[in-house]
């Protein structure tokens, strides 16, 4: 059987019990609170995508 890889929460850096987090539907976060903090950061524009998306091939249009 494969060994579990230790994982840390992206918000608080605490340990994540993967099985429990998946059961609570908050994976990859350790708890719902950390999941909501991360969502708030995205909505508050603390996180940004640094580059525009590349045009997809075969869409028939020219890049912007």
PDB file of N, CA and C in Angstrom:
ATOM      1  N   UNK A   1       0.842  -1.182   0.000  1.00  0.00           N
ATOM      2  CA  UNK A   1       0.000   0.000   0.000  1.00  0.00           C
ATOM      3  C   UNK A   1       0.883   1.240   0.000  1.00  0.00           C
ATOM      4  N   UNK A   2       0.501   2.254  -0.753  1.00  0.00           N
ATOM      5  CA  UNK A   2       1.281   3.482  -0.849  1.00  0.00           C
ATOM      6  C   UNK A   2       1.168   4.284   0.447  1.00  0.00           C
ATOM      7  N   UNK A   3       2.244   4.953   0.797  1.00  0.00           N
ATOM      8  CA  UNK A   3       2.225   5.768   1.999  1.00  0.00           C
ATOM      9  C   UNK A   3       1.639   7.134   1.679  1.00  0.00           C
ATOM     10  N   UNK A   4       0.953   7.708   2.646  1.00  0.00           N
ATOM     11  CA  UNK A   4       0.343   9.024   2.453  1.00  0.00           C
ATOM     12  C   UNK A   4       1.425  10.096   2.464  1.00  0.00           C
ATOM     13  N   UNK A   5       1.301  11.029   1.568  1.00  0.00           N
ATOM     14  CA  UNK A   5       2.248  12.136   1.490  1.00  0.00           C
ATOM     15  C   UNK A   5       1.741  13.233   2.428  1.00  0.00           C
ATOM     16  N   UNK A   6       2.587  13.705   3.351  1.00  0.00           N
ATOM     17  CA  UNK A   6       2.145  14.785   4.235  1.00  0.00           C
ATOM     18  C   UNK A   6       1.796  16.025   3.425  1.00  0.00           C
ATOM     19  N   UNK A   7       0.745  16.698   3.815  1.00  0.00           N
ATOM     20  CA  UNK A   7       0.283  17.862   3.075  1.00  0.00           C
ATOM     21  C   UNK A   7      -0.006  18.982   4.050  1.00  0.00           C
ATOM     22  N   UNK A   8       0.261  20.212   3.619  1.00  0.00           N
ATOM     23  CA  UNK A   8      -0.054  21.350   4.473  1.00  0.00           C
ATOM     24  C   UNK A   8      -1.119  22.213   3.805  1.00  0.00           C
ATOM     25  N   UNK A   9      -1.912  22.868   4.626  1.00  0.00           N
ATOM     26  CA  UNK A   9      -2.984  23.740   4.161  1.00  0.00           C
ATOM     27  C   UNK A   9      -2.375  24.958   3.466  1.00  0.00           C
ATOM     28  N   UNK A  10      -2.866  25.326   2.285  1.00  0.00           N
ATOM     29  CA  UNK A  10      -2.310  26.481   1.583  1.00  0.00           C
ATOM     30  C   UNK A  10      -2.571  27.811   2.294  1.00  0.00           C
ATOM     31  N   UNK A  11      -3.532  27.856   3.203  1.00  0.00           N
ATOM     32  CA  UNK A  11      -3.853  29.103   3.897  1.00  0.00           C
ATOM     33  C   UNK A  11      -3.078  29.257   5.200  1.00  0.00           C
ATOM     34  N   UNK A  12      -3.171  28.247   6.090  1.00  0.00           N
ATOM     35  CA  UNK A  12      -2.554  28.377   7.422  1.00  0.00           C
ATOM     36  C   UNK A  12      -1.278  27.560   7.579  1.00  0.00           C
ATOM     37  N   UNK A  13      -0.952  26.754   6.586  1.00  0.00           N
ATOM     38  CA  UNK A  13       0.227  25.880   6.590  1.00  0.00           C
ATOM     39  C   UNK A  13       0.153  24.777   7.643  1.00  0.00           C
ATOM     40  N   UNK A  14      -1.023  24.564   8.220  1.00  0.00           N
ATOM     41  CA  UNK A  14      -1.204  23.477   9.177  1.00  0.00           C
ATOM     42  C   UNK A  14      -1.314  22.145   8.457  1.00  0.00           C
ATOM     43  N   UNK A  15      -1.190  21.059   9.198  1.00  0.00           N
ATOM     44  CA  UNK A  15      -1.289  19.723   8.614  1.00  0.00           C
ATOM     45  C   UNK A  15      -2.716  19.457   8.141  1.00  0.00           C
ATOM     46  N   UNK A  16      -2.836  18.759   7.027  1.00  0.00           N
ATOM     47  CA  UNK A  16      -4.137  18.414   6.466  1.00  0.00           C
ATOM     48  C   UNK A  16      -4.324  16.912   6.550  1.00  0.00           C
ATOM     49  N   UNK A  17      -5.401  16.493   7.195  1.00  0.00           N
ATOM     50  CA  UNK A  17      -5.815  15.091   7.180  1.00  0.00           C
ATOM     51  C   UNK A  17      -6.634  14.936   5.903  1.00  0.00           C
ATOM     52  N   UNK A  18      -6.029  14.385   4.864  1.00  0.00           N
ATOM     53  CA  UNK A  18      -6.637  14.354   3.535  1.00  0.00           C
ATOM     54  C   UNK A  18      -7.989  13.654   3.549  1.00  0.00           C
ATOM     55  N   UNK A  19      -8.087  12.507   4.198  1.00  0.00           N
ATOM     56  CA  UNK A  19      -9.354  11.767   4.213  1.00  0.00           C
ATOM     57  C   UNK A  19     -10.451  12.591   4.883  1.00  0.00           C
ATOM     58  N   UNK A  20     -10.147  13.216   6.007  1.00  0.00           N
ATOM     59  CA  UNK A  20     -11.144  14.019   6.710  1.00  0.00           C
ATOM     60  C   UNK A  20     -11.508  15.270   5.912  1.00  0.00           C
ATOM     61  N   UNK A  21     -10.513  15.902   5.283  1.00  0.00           N
ATOM     62  CA  UNK A  21     -10.782  17.103   4.494  1.00  0.00           C
ATOM     63  C   UNK A  21     -11.656  16.782   3.288  1.00  0.00           C
ATOM     64  N   UNK A  22     -11.430  15.648   2.669  1.00  0.00           N
ATOM     65  CA  UNK A  22     -12.283  15.255   1.534  1.00  0.00           C
ATOM     66  C   UNK A  22     -13.698  14.960   2.002  1.00  0.00           C
ATOM     67  N   UNK A  23     -13.830  14.346   3.172  1.00  0.00           N
ATOM     68  CA  UNK A  23     -15.160  14.043   3.704  1.00  0.00           C
ATOM     69  C   UNK A  23     -15.918  15.339   4.011  1.00  0.00           C
ATOM     70  N   UNK A  24     -15.219  16.364   4.463  1.00  0.00           N
ATOM     71  CA  UNK A  24     -15.849  17.662   4.773  1.00  0.00           C
ATOM     72  C   UNK A  24     -15.943  18.557   3.542  1.00  0.00           C
ATOM     73  N   UNK A  25     -15.412  18.108   2.421  1.00  0.00           N
ATOM     74  CA  UNK A  25     -15.421  18.850   1.152  1.00  0.00           C
ATOM     75  C   UNK A  25     -14.642  20.160   1.220  1.00  0.00           C
ATOM     76  N   UNK A  26     -13.568  20.178   1.985  1.00  0.00           N
ATOM     77  CA  UNK A  26     -12.747  21.389   2.051  1.00  0.00           C
ATOM     78  C   UNK A  26     -11.334  21.149   1.535  1.00  0.00           C
ATOM     79  N   UNK A  27     -11.058  19.967   0.996  1.00  0.00           N
ATOM     80  CA  UNK A  27      -9.741  19.633   0.452  1.00  0.00           C
ATOM     81  C   UNK A  27      -9.377  20.613  -0.657  1.00  0.00           C
ATOM     82  N   UNK A  28      -8.201  21.146  -0.738  1.00  0.00           N
ATOM     83  CA  UNK A  28      -6.949  20.834  -0.067  1.00  0.00           C
ATOM     84  C   UNK A  28      -6.717  21.626   1.218  1.00  0.00           C
ATOM     85  N   UNK A  29      -7.734  22.299   1.725  1.00  0.00           N
ATOM     86  CA  UNK A  29      -7.596  23.080   2.945  1.00  0.00           C
ATOM     87  C   UNK A  29      -7.864  22.194   4.155  1.00  0.00           C
ATOM     88  N   UNK A  30      -7.411  22.642   5.334  1.00  0.00           N
ATOM     89  CA  UNK A  30      -7.588  21.842   6.540  1.00  0.00           C
ATOM     90  C   UNK A  30      -8.996  21.965   7.099  1.00  0.00           C
ATOM     91  N   UNK A  31      -9.681  23.059   6.806  1.00  0.00           N
ATOM     92  CA  UNK A  31     -11.025  23.271   7.327  1.00  0.00           C
ATOM     93  C   UNK A  31     -11.775  24.258   6.430  1.00  0.00           C
ATOM     94  N   UNK A  32     -13.069  24.378   6.672  1.00  0.00           N
ATOM     95  CA  UNK A  32     -13.895  25.277   5.876  1.00  0.00           C
ATOM     96  C   UNK A  32     -13.462  26.732   6.067  1.00  0.00           C
ATOM     97  N   UNK A  33     -13.018  27.093   7.273  1.00  0.00           N
ATOM     98  CA  UNK A  33     -12.566  28.462   7.523  1.00  0.00           C
ATOM     99  C   UNK A  33     -11.419  28.847   6.594  1.00  0.00           C
ATOM    100  N   UNK A  34     -10.413  27.983   6.471  1.00  0.00           N
ATOM    101  CA  UNK A  34      -9.281  28.277   5.585  1.00  0.00           C
ATOM    102  C   UNK A  34      -9.725  28.352   4.130  1.00  0.00           C
ATOM    103  N   UNK A  35     -10.681  27.529   3.761  1.00  0.00           N
ATOM    104  CA  UNK A  35     -11.223  27.551   2.404  1.00  0.00           C
ATOM    105  C   UNK A  35     -11.891  28.906   2.135  1.00  0.00           C
ATOM    106  N   UNK A  36     -12.662  29.416   3.106  1.00  0.00           N
ATOM    107  CA  UNK A  36     -13.344  30.692   2.940  1.00  0.00           C
ATOM    108  C   UNK A  36     -12.374  31.872   2.968  1.00  0.00           C
ATOM    109  N   UNK A  37     -11.313  31.778   3.770  1.00  0.00           N
ATOM    110  CA  UNK A  37     -10.284  32.822   3.774  1.00  0.00           C
ATOM    111  C   UNK A  37      -9.653  32.913   2.390  1.00  0.00           C
ATOM    112  N   UNK A  38      -9.338  31.774   1.779  1.00  0.00           N
ATOM    113  CA  UNK A  38      -8.747  31.757   0.445  1.00  0.00           C
ATOM    114  C   UNK A  38      -9.710  32.354  -0.579  1.00  0.00           C
ATOM    115  N   UNK A  39     -10.984  31.988  -0.502  1.00  0.00           N
ATOM    116  CA  UNK A  39     -11.980  32.538  -1.415  1.00  0.00           C
ATOM    117  C   UNK A  39     -12.054  34.058  -1.259  1.00  0.00           C
ATOM    118  N   UNK A  40     -12.032  34.539  -0.022  1.00  0.00           N
ATOM    119  CA  UNK A  40     -12.058  35.973   0.222  1.00  0.00           C
ATOM    120  C   UNK A  40     -10.860  36.680  -0.380  1.00  0.00           C
ATOM    121  N   UNK A  41      -9.711  36.031  -0.348  1.00  0.00           N
ATOM    122  CA  UNK A  41      -8.516  36.628  -0.960  1.00  0.00           C
ATOM    123  C   UNK A  41      -8.675  36.751  -2.471  1.00  0.00           C
ATOM    124  N   UNK A  42      -9.256  35.737  -3.106  1.00  0.00           N
ATOM    125  CA  UNK A  42      -9.498  35.815  -4.551  1.00  0.00           C
ATOM    126  C   UNK A  42     -10.508  36.921  -4.852  1.00  0.00           C
ATOM    127  N   UNK A  43     -11.599  36.960  -4.087  1.00  0.00           N
ATOM    128  CA  UNK A  43     -12.636  37.961  -4.342  1.00  0.00           C
ATOM    129  C   UNK A  43     -12.147  39.374  -4.045  1.00  0.00           C
ATOM    130  N   UNK A  44     -11.239  39.510  -3.091  1.00  0.00           N
ATOM    131  CA  UNK A  44     -10.659  40.804  -2.765  1.00  0.00           C
ATOM    132  C   UNK A  44      -9.500  41.183  -3.671  1.00  0.00           C
ATOM    133  N   UNK A  45      -9.243  40.362  -4.673  1.00  0.00           N
ATOM    134  CA  UNK A  45      -8.198  40.576  -5.678  1.00  0.00           C
ATOM    135  C   UNK A  45      -6.800  40.622  -5.081  1.00  0.00           C
ATOM    136  N   UNK A  46      -6.587  39.897  -3.964  1.00  0.00           N
ATOM    137  CA  UNK A  46      -5.235  39.746  -3.433  1.00  0.00           C
ATOM    138  C   UNK A  46      -4.432  38.778  -4.300  1.00  0.00           C
ATOM    139  N   UNK A  47      -5.123  37.847  -4.947  1.00  0.00           N
ATOM    140  CA  UNK A  47      -4.495  36.925  -5.887  1.00  0.00           C
ATOM    141  C   UNK A  47      -4.885  37.377  -7.288  1.00  0.00           C
ATOM    142  N   UNK A  48      -3.950  37.263  -8.205  1.00  0.00           N
ATOM    143  CA  UNK A  48      -4.230  37.629  -9.597  1.00  0.00           C
ATOM    144  C   UNK A  48      -3.527  36.650 -10.523  1.00  0.00           C
ATOM    145  N   UNK A  49      -4.087  36.471 -11.694  1.00  0.00           N
ATOM    146  CA  UNK A  49      -3.421  35.711 -12.743  1.00  0.00           C
ATOM    147  C   UNK A  49      -2.460  36.681 -13.405  1.00  0.00           C
ATOM    148  N   UNK A  50      -1.181  36.331 -13.428  1.00  0.00           N
ATOM    149  CA  UNK A  50      -0.159  37.286 -13.847  1.00  0.00           C
ATOM    150  C   UNK A  50      -0.082  37.530 -15.353  1.00  0.00           C
ATOM    151  N   UNK A  51      -0.510  36.584 -16.158  1.00  0.00           N
ATOM    152  CA  UNK A  51      -0.418  36.737 -17.606  1.00  0.00           C
ATOM    153  C   UNK A  51      -1.768  36.456 -18.234  1.00  0.00           C
ATOM    154  N   UNK A  52      -2.078  37.115 -19.338  1.00  0.00           N
ATOM    155  CA  UNK A  52      -3.322  36.787 -20.034  1.00  0.00           C
ATOM    156  C   UNK A  52      -3.251  35.368 -20.594  1.00  0.00           C
ATOM    157  N   UNK A  53      -4.386  34.746 -20.698  1.00  0.00           N
ATOM    158  CA  UNK A  53      -4.440  33.393 -21.236  1.00  0.00           C
ATOM    159  C   UNK A  53      -4.028  33.392 -22.705  1.00  0.00           C
ATOM    160  N   UNK A  54      -3.309  32.378 -23.095  1.00  0.00           N
ATOM    161  CA  UNK A  54      -2.903  32.234 -24.497  1.00  0.00           C
ATOM    162  C   UNK A  54      -4.127  31.835 -25.323  1.00  0.00           C
ATOM    163  N   UNK A  55      -4.221  32.312 -26.551  1.00  0.00           N
ATOM    164  CA  UNK A  55      -5.352  31.919 -27.384  1.00  0.00           C
ATOM    165  C   UNK A  55      -5.318  30.422 -27.655  1.00  0.00           C
ATOM    166  N   UNK A  56      -6.497  29.829 -27.681  1.00  0.00           N
ATOM    167  CA  UNK A  56      -6.571  28.385 -27.951  1.00  0.00           C
ATOM    168  C   UNK A  56      -6.449  28.144 -29.445  1.00  0.00           C
ATOM    169  N   UNK A  57      -5.772  27.080 -29.789  1.00  0.00           N
ATOM    170  CA  UNK A  57      -5.630  26.717 -31.205  1.00  0.00           C
ATOM    171  C   UNK A  57      -6.954  26.204 -31.738  1.00  0.00           C
ATOM    172  N   UNK A  58      -7.273  26.583 -32.931  1.00  0.00           N
ATOM    173  CA  UNK A  58      -8.468  26.072 -33.584  1.00  0.00           C
ATOM    174  C   UNK A  58      -9.735  26.796 -33.224  1.00  0.00           C
ATOM    175  N   UNK A  59      -9.651  27.942 -32.537  1.00  0.00           N
ATOM    176  CA  UNK A  59     -10.879  28.655 -32.199  1.00  0.00           C
ATOM    177  C   UNK A  59     -11.345  29.554 -33.353  1.00  0.00           C
ATOM    178  N   UNK A  60     -10.505  29.707 -34.383  1.00  0.00           N
ATOM    179  CA  UNK A  60     -10.891  30.448 -35.569  1.00  0.00           C
ATOM    180  C   UNK A  60     -10.709  31.942 -35.464  1.00  0.00           C
ATOM    181  N   UNK A  61     -10.356  32.431 -34.319  1.00  0.00           N
ATOM    182  CA  UNK A  61     -10.201  33.871 -34.152  1.00  0.00           C
ATOM    183  C   UNK A  61      -8.763  34.272 -33.984  1.00  0.00           C
ATOM    184  N   UNK A  62      -8.536  35.535 -34.124  1.00  0.00           N
ATOM    185  CA  UNK A  62      -7.206  36.095 -33.934  1.00  0.00           C
ATOM    186  C   UNK A  62      -7.017  36.439 -32.453  1.00  0.00           C
ATOM    187  N   UNK A  63      -5.783  36.373 -31.969  1.00  0.00           N
ATOM    188  CA  UNK A  63      -5.546  36.811 -30.590  1.00  0.00           C
ATOM    189  C   UNK A  63      -5.892  38.282 -30.412  1.00  0.00           C
ATOM    190  N   UNK A  64      -6.320  38.639 -29.209  1.00  0.00           N
ATOM    191  CA  UNK A  64      -6.689  40.043 -28.924  1.00  0.00           C
ATOM    192  C   UNK A  64      -5.511  40.965 -29.015  1.00  0.00           C
TER     193      UNK A  64
END
